Amino acid sequence: MNERDLAIFPNDELGDKLWQLLLQGVDINLPVEVEFSMLFPLKEKALAFGALLLENNQKLSFSTFEQHESHTFEITAYPEMPLTYQNIAGYQALLMSHADGYDGIYDGWFSVYG
């Protein structure tokens, strides 16, 4: 694929990252474990959000996060999915919508490919 289809790889940060992965030869249609990080101001709020994810059978981890001034607790979810724009953006939106009630903020995603 030499020409970028903006319907599949929109002209934004996520679309750019996925396009670069495709150019590097990554098969973005194969499921891989993706790490989605959310930050919280209080340990109790992070753990409550984590409990919500666990109730929905999500694999996750909890840790402190000293790189942020006010949100120093991190919950990372590890769903397995193809690296498509719809999957990444959809899961991000789902996390963000549920994190609002816990004062959570989205801190990005990562896969074995970057």
C-alpha atoms as a PDB file:
ATOM      1  CA  MET A   1       0.000   0.000   0.000  1.00  0.00           C
ATOM      2  CA  ASN A   2       1.712   3.178  -1.177  1.00  0.00           C
ATOM      3  CA  GLU A   3      -1.093   5.718  -0.930  1.00  0.00           C
ATOM      4  CA  ARG A   4      -2.618   6.583   2.422  1.00  0.00           C
ATOM      5  CA  ASP A   5      -6.375   6.064   2.601  1.00  0.00           C
ATOM      6  CA  LEU A   6      -7.603   8.787   4.970  1.00  0.00           C
ATOM      7  CA  ALA A   7     -10.770   6.799   5.662  1.00  0.00           C
ATOM      8  CA  ILE A   8      -8.618   4.064   7.230  1.00  0.00           C
ATOM      9  CA  PHE A   9      -5.724   6.237   8.459  1.00  0.00           C
ATOM     10  CA  PRO A  10      -7.152   9.704   9.273  1.00  0.00           C
ATOM     11  CA  ASN A  11      -4.845  12.700   9.356  1.00  0.00           C
ATOM     12  CA  ASP A  12      -4.328  12.832  13.129  1.00  0.00           C
ATOM     13  CA  GLU A  13      -1.865  11.439  15.670  1.00  0.00           C
ATOM     14  CA  LEU A  14      -3.469   7.995  15.825  1.00  0.00           C
ATOM     15  CA  GLY A  15      -3.863   7.722  12.056  1.00  0.00           C
ATOM     16  CA  ASP A  16      -0.250   8.822  11.585  1.00  0.00           C
ATOM     17  CA  LYS A  17       1.042   6.229  14.055  1.00  0.00           C
ATOM     18  CA  LEU A  18      -0.943   3.397  12.481  1.00  0.00           C
ATOM     19  CA  TRP A  19       0.135   4.456   8.974  1.00  0.00           C
ATOM     20  CA  GLN A  20       3.786   4.387  10.071  1.00  0.00           C
ATOM     21  CA  LEU A  21       3.329   0.903  11.538  1.00  0.00           C
ATOM     22  CA  LEU A  22       1.850  -0.281   8.256  1.00  0.00           C
ATOM     23  CA  LEU A  23       4.760   1.234   6.312  1.00  0.00           C
ATOM     24  CA  GLN A  24       7.145  -0.638   8.633  1.00  0.00           C
ATOM     25  CA  GLY A  25       5.501  -3.888   7.579  1.00  0.00           C
ATOM     26  CA  VAL A  26       3.317  -4.482  10.648  1.00  0.00           C
ATOM     27  CA  ASP A  27       0.161  -6.463   9.865  1.00  0.00           C
ATOM     28  CA  ILE A  28      -2.264  -4.220  11.739  1.00  0.00           C
ATOM     29  CA  ASN A  29      -5.091  -6.719  11.177  1.00  0.00           C
ATOM     30  CA  LEU A  30      -3.537  -9.348  13.446  1.00  0.00           C
ATOM     31  CA  PRO A  31      -4.644  -9.136  17.087  1.00  0.00           C
ATOM     32  CA  VAL A  32      -1.970  -8.005  19.537  1.00  0.00           C
ATOM     33  CA  GLU A  33      -2.043  -6.977  23.177  1.00  0.00           C
ATOM     34  CA  VAL A  34      -2.394  -3.203  23.448  1.00  0.00           C
ATOM     35  CA  GLU A  35      -1.640  -1.196  26.596  1.00  0.00           C
ATOM     36  CA  PHE A  36      -4.014   1.685  27.374  1.00  0.00           C
ATOM     37  CA  SER A  37      -2.999   3.879  30.318  1.00  0.00           C
ATOM     38  CA  MET A  38      -5.293   5.994  32.457  1.00  0.00           C
ATOM     39  CA  LEU A  39      -4.084   8.285  35.260  1.00  0.00           C
ATOM     40  CA  PHE A  40      -5.932   9.160  38.472  1.00  0.00           C
ATOM     41  CA  PRO A  41      -5.402  11.697  41.270  1.00  0.00           C
ATOM     42  CA  LEU A  42      -6.218   9.307  44.119  1.00  0.00           C
ATOM     43  CA  LYS A  43      -5.363   5.683  44.740  1.00  0.00           C
ATOM     44  CA  GLU A  44      -8.973   4.931  45.703  1.00  0.00           C
ATOM     45  CA  LYS A  45     -10.293   6.330  42.410  1.00  0.00           C
ATOM     46  CA  ALA A  46      -7.748   4.358  40.392  1.00  0.00           C
ATOM     47  CA  LEU A  47      -8.633   1.142  42.208  1.00  0.00           C
ATOM     48  CA  ALA A  48     -12.374   1.771  41.785  1.00  0.00           C
ATOM     49  CA  PHE A  49     -11.851   2.279  38.048  1.00  0.00           C
ATOM     50  CA  GLY A  50      -9.739  -0.868  37.967  1.00  0.00           C
ATOM     51  CA  ALA A  51     -12.552  -2.794  39.666  1.00  0.00           C
ATOM     52  CA  LEU A  52     -14.907  -1.624  36.915  1.00  0.00           C
ATOM     53  CA  LEU A  53     -12.506  -2.992  34.288  1.00  0.00           C
ATOM     54  CA  LEU A  54     -12.135  -6.279  36.168  1.00  0.00           C
ATOM     55  CA  GLU A  55     -15.923  -6.653  36.319  1.00  0.00           C
ATOM     56  CA  ASN A  56     -15.808  -6.468  32.528  1.00  0.00           C
ATOM     57  CA  ASN A  57     -13.130  -9.180  32.289  1.00  0.00           C
ATOM     58  CA  GLN A  58     -10.299  -6.816  31.373  1.00  0.00           C
ATOM     59  CA  LYS A  59      -6.678  -7.646  32.124  1.00  0.00           C
ATOM     60  CA  LEU A  60      -5.072  -4.704  33.945  1.00  0.00           C
ATOM     61  CA  SER A  61      -2.280  -3.452  36.145  1.00  0.00           C
ATOM     62  CA  PHE A  62      -2.029  -0.771  38.823  1.00  0.00           C
ATOM     63  CA  SER A  63       1.033   1.327  39.647  1.00  0.00           C
ATOM     64  CA  THR A  64       2.142   4.711  40.883  1.00  0.00           C
ATOM     65  CA  PHE A  65       3.034   7.264  38.226  1.00  0.00           C
ATOM     66  CA  GLU A  66       5.406   9.991  39.366  1.00  0.00           C
ATOM     67  CA  GLN A  67       5.743  11.767  35.992  1.00  0.00           C
ATOM     68  CA  HIS A  68       2.422  13.601  36.384  1.00  0.00           C
ATOM     69  CA  GLU A  69       1.997  16.342  38.961  1.00  0.00           C
ATOM     70  CA  SER A  70      -1.599  15.682  40.044  1.00  0.00           C
ATOM     71  CA  HIS A  71      -2.512  12.238  38.640  1.00  0.00           C
ATOM     72  CA  THR A  72      -0.017   9.905  40.267  1.00  0.00           C
ATOM     73  CA  PHE A  73      -1.796   6.547  40.017  1.00  0.00           C
ATOM     74  CA  GLU A  74      -2.001   4.534  36.834  1.00  0.00           C
ATOM     75  CA  ILE A  75      -4.343   1.814  35.650  1.00  0.00           C
ATOM     76  CA  THR A  76      -3.254   0.090  32.450  1.00  0.00           C
ATOM     77  CA  ALA A  77      -5.680  -2.126  30.538  1.00  0.00           C
ATOM     78  CA  TYR A  78      -4.376  -4.830  28.178  1.00  0.00           C
ATOM     79  CA  PRO A  79      -7.025  -5.772  25.611  1.00  0.00           C
ATOM     80  CA  GLU A  80      -6.064  -7.855  22.595  1.00  0.00           C
ATOM     81  CA  MET A  81      -7.173  -6.399  19.258  1.00  0.00           C
ATOM     82  CA  PRO A  82      -6.116  -5.659  15.704  1.00  0.00           C
ATOM     83  CA  LEU A  83      -4.360  -2.280  15.495  1.00  0.00           C
ATOM     84  CA  THR A  84      -7.082  -0.538  13.522  1.00  0.00           C
ATOM     85  CA  TYR A  85      -8.113   3.072  13.937  1.00  0.00           C
ATOM     86  CA  GLN A  86     -11.638   2.043  14.944  1.00  0.00           C
ATOM     87  CA  ASN A  87     -10.409  -0.390  17.589  1.00  0.00           C
ATOM     88  CA  ILE A  88      -7.866   1.957  19.179  1.00  0.00           C
ATOM     89  CA  ALA A  89     -10.070   5.074  19.067  1.00  0.00           C
ATOM     90  CA  GLY A  90     -13.112   3.124  20.237  1.00  0.00           C
ATOM     91  CA  TYR A  91     -11.397   1.573  23.235  1.00  0.00           C
ATOM     92  CA  GLN A  92      -9.824   4.909  24.134  1.00  0.00           C
ATOM     93  CA  ALA A  93     -13.241   6.605  24.008  1.00  0.00           C
ATOM     94  CA  LEU A  94     -14.772   3.844  26.127  1.00  0.00           C
ATOM     95  CA  LEU A  95     -12.080   4.203  28.797  1.00  0.00           C
ATOM     96  CA  MET A  96     -12.335   7.984  28.811  1.00  0.00           C
ATOM     97  CA  SER A  97     -16.120   7.968  29.123  1.00  0.00           C
ATOM     98  CA  HIS A  98     -15.981   5.667  32.155  1.00  0.00           C
ATOM     99  CA  ALA A  99     -12.980   7.416  33.733  1.00  0.00           C
ATOM    100  CA  ASP A 100     -14.788  10.768  33.972  1.00  0.00           C
ATOM    101  CA  GLY A 101     -16.546   9.678  37.144  1.00  0.00           C
ATOM    102  CA  TYR A 102     -13.181   8.867  38.719  1.00  0.00           C
ATOM    103  CA  ASP A 103     -11.334  12.027  37.608  1.00  0.00           C
ATOM    104  CA  GLY A 104      -9.232   9.900  35.289  1.00  0.00           C
ATOM    105  CA  ILE A 105      -7.306  11.168  32.288  1.00  0.00           C
ATOM    106  CA  TYR A 106      -6.113   9.228  29.261  1.00  0.00           C
ATOM    107  CA  ASP A 107      -2.334   8.815  28.962  1.00  0.00           C
ATOM    108  CA  GLY A 108      -1.985   6.968  25.671  1.00  0.00           C
ATOM    109  CA  TRP A 109      -1.567   3.537  24.173  1.00  0.00           C
ATOM    110  CA  PHE A 110       1.326   1.275  23.274  1.00  0.00           C
ATOM    111  CA  SER A 111       1.815  -2.059  21.532  1.00  0.00           C
ATOM    112  CA  VAL A 112       4.799  -4.299  20.910  1.00  0.00           C
ATOM    113  CA  TYR A 113       5.235  -2.351  17.649  1.00  0.00           C
ATOM    114  CA  GLY A 114       5.320   1.068  19.244  1.00  0.00           C
END
